[in-house]
C-alpha atoms as a PDB file:
ATOM      1  CA  MET A   1     123.416  85.052 106.849  1.00  0.00           C
ATOM      2  CA  ILE A   2     120.856  85.010 104.111  1.00  0.00           C
ATOM      3  CA  PHE A   3     121.697  81.840 101.046  1.00  0.00           C
ATOM      4  CA  LEU A   4     120.055  81.508  98.071  1.00  0.00           C
ATOM      5  CA  VAL A   5     119.714  79.035  95.887  1.00  0.00           C
ATOM      6  CA  VAL A   6     118.160  80.029  92.018  1.00  0.00           C
ATOM      7  CA  PHE A   7     116.063  78.626  89.475  1.00  0.00           C
ATOM      8  CA  LEU A   8     115.962  79.896  87.288  1.00  0.00           C
ATOM      9  CA  PRO A   9     113.677  78.447  84.063  1.00  0.00           C
ATOM     10  CA  TYR A  10     113.434  81.056  81.644  1.00  0.00           C
ATOM     11  CA  PHE A  11     111.666  80.736  78.059  1.00  0.00           C
ATOM     12  CA  LEU A  12     113.253  82.836  75.095  1.00  0.00           C
ATOM     13  CA  LYS A  13     110.305  83.698  72.894  1.00  0.00           C
ATOM     14  CA  ALA A  14     108.615  86.778  74.097  1.00  0.00           C
ATOM     15  CA  GLN A  15     104.974  85.422  73.622  1.00  0.00           C
ATOM     16  CA  ASN A  16     106.239  82.793  77.211  1.00  0.00           C
ATOM     17  CA  PRO A  17     106.299  84.093  80.464  1.00  0.00           C
ATOM     18  CA  ILE A  18     109.156  83.601  82.353  1.00  0.00           C
ATOM     19  CA  TYR A  19     109.938  81.804  85.469  1.00  0.00           C
ATOM     20  CA  ASP A  20     111.800  82.586  88.215  1.00  0.00           C
ATOM     21  CA  THR A  21     112.027  80.558  92.034  1.00  0.00           C
ATOM     22  CA  VAL A  22     114.410  80.887  95.007  1.00  0.00           C
ATOM     23  CA  LEU A  23     114.563  78.831  97.654  1.00  0.00           C
ATOM     24  CA  GLY A  24     116.714  80.556 100.348  1.00  0.00           C
ATOM     25  CA  TYR A  25     117.303  80.980 104.207  1.00  0.00           C
ATOM     26  CA  SER A  26     117.046  83.646 106.546  1.00  0.00           C
ATOM     27  CA  GLY A  27     118.534  82.055 109.832  1.00  0.00           C
ATOM     28  CA  SER A  28     116.995  79.174 110.507  1.00  0.00           C
ATOM     29  CA  SER A  29     114.180  80.115 108.169  1.00  0.00           C
ATOM     30  CA  LYS A  30     113.081  78.612 105.363  1.00  0.00           C
ATOM     31  CA  TYR A  31     111.135  80.845 102.519  1.00  0.00           C
ATOM     32  CA  ILE A  32     110.695  80.183  98.883  1.00  0.00           C
ATOM     33  CA  LYS A  33     109.585  83.236  96.036  1.00  0.00           C
ATOM     34  CA  SER A  34     108.045  82.236  92.852  1.00  0.00           C
ATOM     35  CA  ILE A  35     108.555  85.140  90.402  1.00  0.00           C
ATOM     36  CA  THR A  36     106.842  85.159  87.198  1.00  0.00           C
ATOM     37  CA  ILE A  37     106.846  87.542  84.479  1.00  0.00           C
ATOM     38  CA  THR A  38     104.090  87.671  82.033  1.00  0.00           C
ATOM     39  CA  LYS A  39     105.620  90.984  80.596  1.00  0.00           C
ATOM     40  CA  ALA A  40     108.506  93.394  80.584  1.00  0.00           C
ATOM     41  CA  ASN A  41     107.601  94.725  83.402  1.00  0.00           C
ATOM     42  CA  LYS A  42     104.532  93.357  85.093  1.00  0.00           C
ATOM     43  CA  LYS A  43     105.478  90.424  88.301  1.00  0.00           C
ATOM     44  CA  HIS A  44     103.151  87.477  89.991  1.00  0.00           C
ATOM     45  CA  ILE A  45     105.219  86.962  93.027  1.00  0.00           C
ATOM     46  CA  ARG A  46     104.227  84.650  95.512  1.00  0.00           C
ATOM     47  CA  LEU A  47     106.395  84.162  98.632  1.00  0.00           C
ATOM     48  CA  TYR A  48     105.908  80.630 100.959  1.00  0.00           C
ATOM     49  CA  HIS A  49     105.781  80.040 104.769  1.00  0.00           C
ATOM     50  CA  SER A  50     108.489  77.737 105.405  1.00  0.00           C
ATOM     51  CA  ASN A  51     105.243  74.382 106.047  1.00  0.00           C
ATOM     52  CA  SER A  52     105.341  75.257 102.029  1.00  0.00           C
ATOM     53  CA  LYS A  53     101.636  77.218 102.596  1.00  0.00           C
ATOM     54  CA  LEU A  54     101.292  80.166 100.446  1.00  0.00           C
ATOM     55  CA  GLN A  55     102.095  83.378 102.685  1.00  0.00           C
ATOM     56  CA  VAL A  56     101.823  85.821 100.423  1.00  0.00           C
ATOM     57  CA  GLU A  57     100.773  86.873  96.888  1.00  0.00           C
ATOM     58  CA  TYR A  58     100.573  90.421  94.628  1.00  0.00           C
ATOM     59  CA  PHE A  59     101.695  92.002  90.748  1.00  0.00           C
ATOM     60  CA  THR A  60     103.866  94.533  90.863  1.00  0.00           C
ATOM     61  CA  LEU A  61     103.717  96.849  87.857  1.00  0.00           C
ATOM     62  CA  ASP A  62     106.943  99.050  86.886  1.00  0.00           C
ATOM     63  CA  ASP A  63     108.441  97.526  90.337  1.00  0.00           C
ATOM     64  CA  LYS A  64     105.401  99.054  92.372  1.00  0.00           C
ATOM     65  CA  TYR A  65     102.769  96.961  93.897  1.00  0.00           C
ATOM     66  CA  GLU A  66      99.715  96.943  91.003  1.00  0.00           C
ATOM     67  CA  GLY A  67      96.281  94.960  92.379  1.00  0.00           C
ATOM     68  CA  LYS A  68      95.191  93.084  94.929  1.00  0.00           C
ATOM     69  CA  TYR A  69      97.650  91.775  97.778  1.00  0.00           C
ATOM     70  CA  ILE A  70      96.920  89.110  99.768  1.00  0.00           C
ATOM     71  CA  VAL A  71      98.710  87.869 103.084  1.00  0.00           C
ATOM     72  CA  TYR A  72      97.795  84.070 104.317  1.00  0.00           C
ATOM     73  CA  ASN A  73      99.010  83.245 107.997  1.00  0.00           C
ATOM     74  CA  ALA A  74     101.541  79.803 108.314  1.00  0.00           C
ATOM     75  CA  ASP A  75      97.752  77.735 108.720  1.00  0.00           C
ATOM     76  CA  GLY A  76      96.759  79.053 105.469  1.00  0.00           C
ATOM     77  CA  VAL A  77      94.194  80.872 106.378  1.00  0.00           C
ATOM     78  CA  LEU A  78      93.699  84.662 104.845  1.00  0.00           C
ATOM     79  CA  ALA A  79      95.104  86.923 106.625  1.00  0.00           C
ATOM     80  CA  SER A  80      94.575  90.500 105.060  1.00  0.00           C
ATOM     81  CA  ILE A  81      93.616  91.649 101.159  1.00  0.00           C
ATOM     82  CA  THR A  82      95.113  95.392 100.532  1.00  0.00           C
ATOM     83  CA  ASN A  83      93.864  96.543  96.650  1.00  0.00           C
ATOM     84  CA  TYR A  84      97.375  99.054  95.321  1.00  0.00           C
ATOM     85  CA  LYS A  85      97.433 101.429  92.844  1.00  0.00           C
ATOM     86  CA  GLN A  86     100.836 102.622  91.190  1.00  0.00           C
ATOM     87  CA  GLY A  87     102.831 101.470  94.630  1.00  0.00           C
ATOM     88  CA  VAL A  88     100.130 102.850  96.801  1.00  0.00           C
ATOM     89  CA  PHE A  89      97.053 101.637  98.725  1.00  0.00           C
ATOM     90  CA  ASN A  90      93.407 102.160  96.329  1.00  0.00           C
ATOM     91  CA  GLY A  91      90.203 100.685  97.041  1.00  0.00           C
ATOM     92  CA  GLU A  92      89.125  98.564 100.127  1.00  0.00           C
ATOM     93  CA  LYS A  93      92.044  97.468 103.107  1.00  0.00           C
ATOM     94  CA  ILE A  94      90.435  93.863 104.429  1.00  0.00           C
ATOM     95  CA  ASN A  95      92.110  92.298 107.531  1.00  0.00           C
ATOM     96  CA  TYR A  96      91.381  89.084 109.385  1.00  0.00           C
ATOM     97  CA  ASN A  97      91.478  87.122 112.315  1.00  0.00           C
ATOM     98  CA  ALA A  98      93.127  83.810 112.928  1.00  0.00           C
ATOM     99  CA  ASP A  99      89.630  82.019 112.998  1.00  0.00           C
ATOM    100  CA  GLY A 100      89.196  84.020 109.221  1.00  0.00           C
ATOM    101  CA  SER A 101      86.430  86.255 110.527  1.00  0.00           C
ATOM    102  CA  ILE A 102      86.909  89.817 109.106  1.00  0.00           C
ATOM    103  CA  LYS A 103      88.839  92.226 111.905  1.00  0.00           C
ATOM    104  CA  ASP A 104      88.445  95.099 110.121  1.00  0.00           C
ATOM    105  CA  LYS A 105      87.262  96.969 106.682  1.00  0.00           C
ATOM    106  CA  SER A 106      88.959 100.828 105.802  1.00  0.00           C
ATOM    107  CA  HIS A 107      88.959 102.276 101.771  1.00  0.00           C
ATOM    108  CA  TYR A 108      91.216 104.051 100.257  1.00  0.00           C
ATOM    109  CA  LYS A 109      91.795 106.483  96.964  1.00  0.00           C
ATOM    110  CA  LEU A 110      94.539 107.394  95.171  1.00  0.00           C
ATOM    111  CA  VAL A 111      95.499 111.179  94.618  1.00  0.00           C
ATOM    112  CA  GLN A 112      98.425 113.069  93.202  1.00  0.00           C
ATOM    113  CA  ILE A 113     100.430 115.882  95.041  1.00  0.00           C
ATOM    114  CA  ASN A 114     103.151 116.903  93.329  1.00  0.00           C
ATOM    115  CA  ASP A 115     102.576 114.695  90.253  1.00  0.00           C
ATOM    116  CA  VAL A 116     103.508 111.643  93.228  1.00  0.00           C
ATOM    117  CA  PRO A 117     100.299 108.934  93.717  1.00  0.00           C
ATOM    118  CA  LYS A 118      99.717 109.028  97.534  1.00  0.00           C
ATOM    119  CA  SER A 119      96.624 106.627  99.240  1.00  0.00           C
ATOM    120  CA  VAL A 120      94.263 108.614 101.659  1.00  0.00           C
ATOM    121  CA  LEU A 121      91.666 107.114 104.238  1.00  0.00           C
ATOM    122  CA  ASP A 122      87.620 107.618 102.291  1.00  0.00           C
ATOM    123  CA  GLY A 123      84.670 106.076 103.301  1.00  0.00           C
ATOM    124  CA  THR A 124      84.444 104.942 106.453  1.00  0.00           C
ATOM    125  CA  PHE A 125      86.056 102.549 108.468  1.00  0.00           C
ATOM    126  CA  VAL A 126      84.588  99.200 110.548  1.00  0.00           C
ATOM    127  CA  SER A 127      86.067  96.792 112.634  1.00  0.00           C
ATOM    128  CA  TYR A 128      84.623  94.202 113.802  1.00  0.00           C
ATOM    129  CA  PHE A 129      84.714  92.129 117.590  1.00  0.00           C
ATOM    130  CA  ASN A 130      85.838  88.037 117.246  1.00  0.00           C
ATOM    131  CA  ASN A 131      81.809  87.182 116.976  1.00  0.00           C
ATOM    132  CA  GLY A 132      81.676  89.530 114.332  1.00  0.00           C
ATOM    133  CA  LYS A 133      79.546  91.977 115.866  1.00  0.00           C
ATOM    134  CA  LYS A 134      80.306  95.804 114.591  1.00  0.00           C
ATOM    135  CA  GLU A 135      82.874  96.753 117.477  1.00  0.00           C
ATOM    136  CA  LYS A 136      82.985 101.194 116.109  1.00  0.00           C
ATOM    137  CA  GLU A 137      82.299 102.770 113.059  1.00  0.00           C
ATOM    138  CA  ILE A 138      84.195 105.912 111.796  1.00  0.00           C
ATOM    139  CA  ARG A 139      83.027 107.817 108.277  1.00  0.00           C
ATOM    140  CA  LEU A 140      86.288 109.842 106.915  1.00  0.00           C
ATOM    141  CA  ARG A 141      84.827 111.959 103.677  1.00  0.00           C
END
């Protein structure tokens, strides 16, 4: 069962951002979702862990991911950074271990297939041991 309490302090002037904050419950877990609409089609979204620490932060453009999508664990440590363009991976993607060290890195590029944006691995995929030393490296072309 999901229960939502919605706070909507909207500003009517077009040049001001619009804010939408949602406090919700999913089962026994509480979450907070904050949305800032900076333009009619662009949103800045933040989700929070039940301990009020930031869990996810990202942007959408026309309801598709656009730019950095950043994830944090419940302790507030960076878990991953993924770059998006037109709703698909584009650019560097980095996953982190719980201690904040880099777990792996990969790179994607945006391609159009039948006028639909798709992402393909491009360049090098590198994974690391917990001590930071390189575990494997795969070059993609």
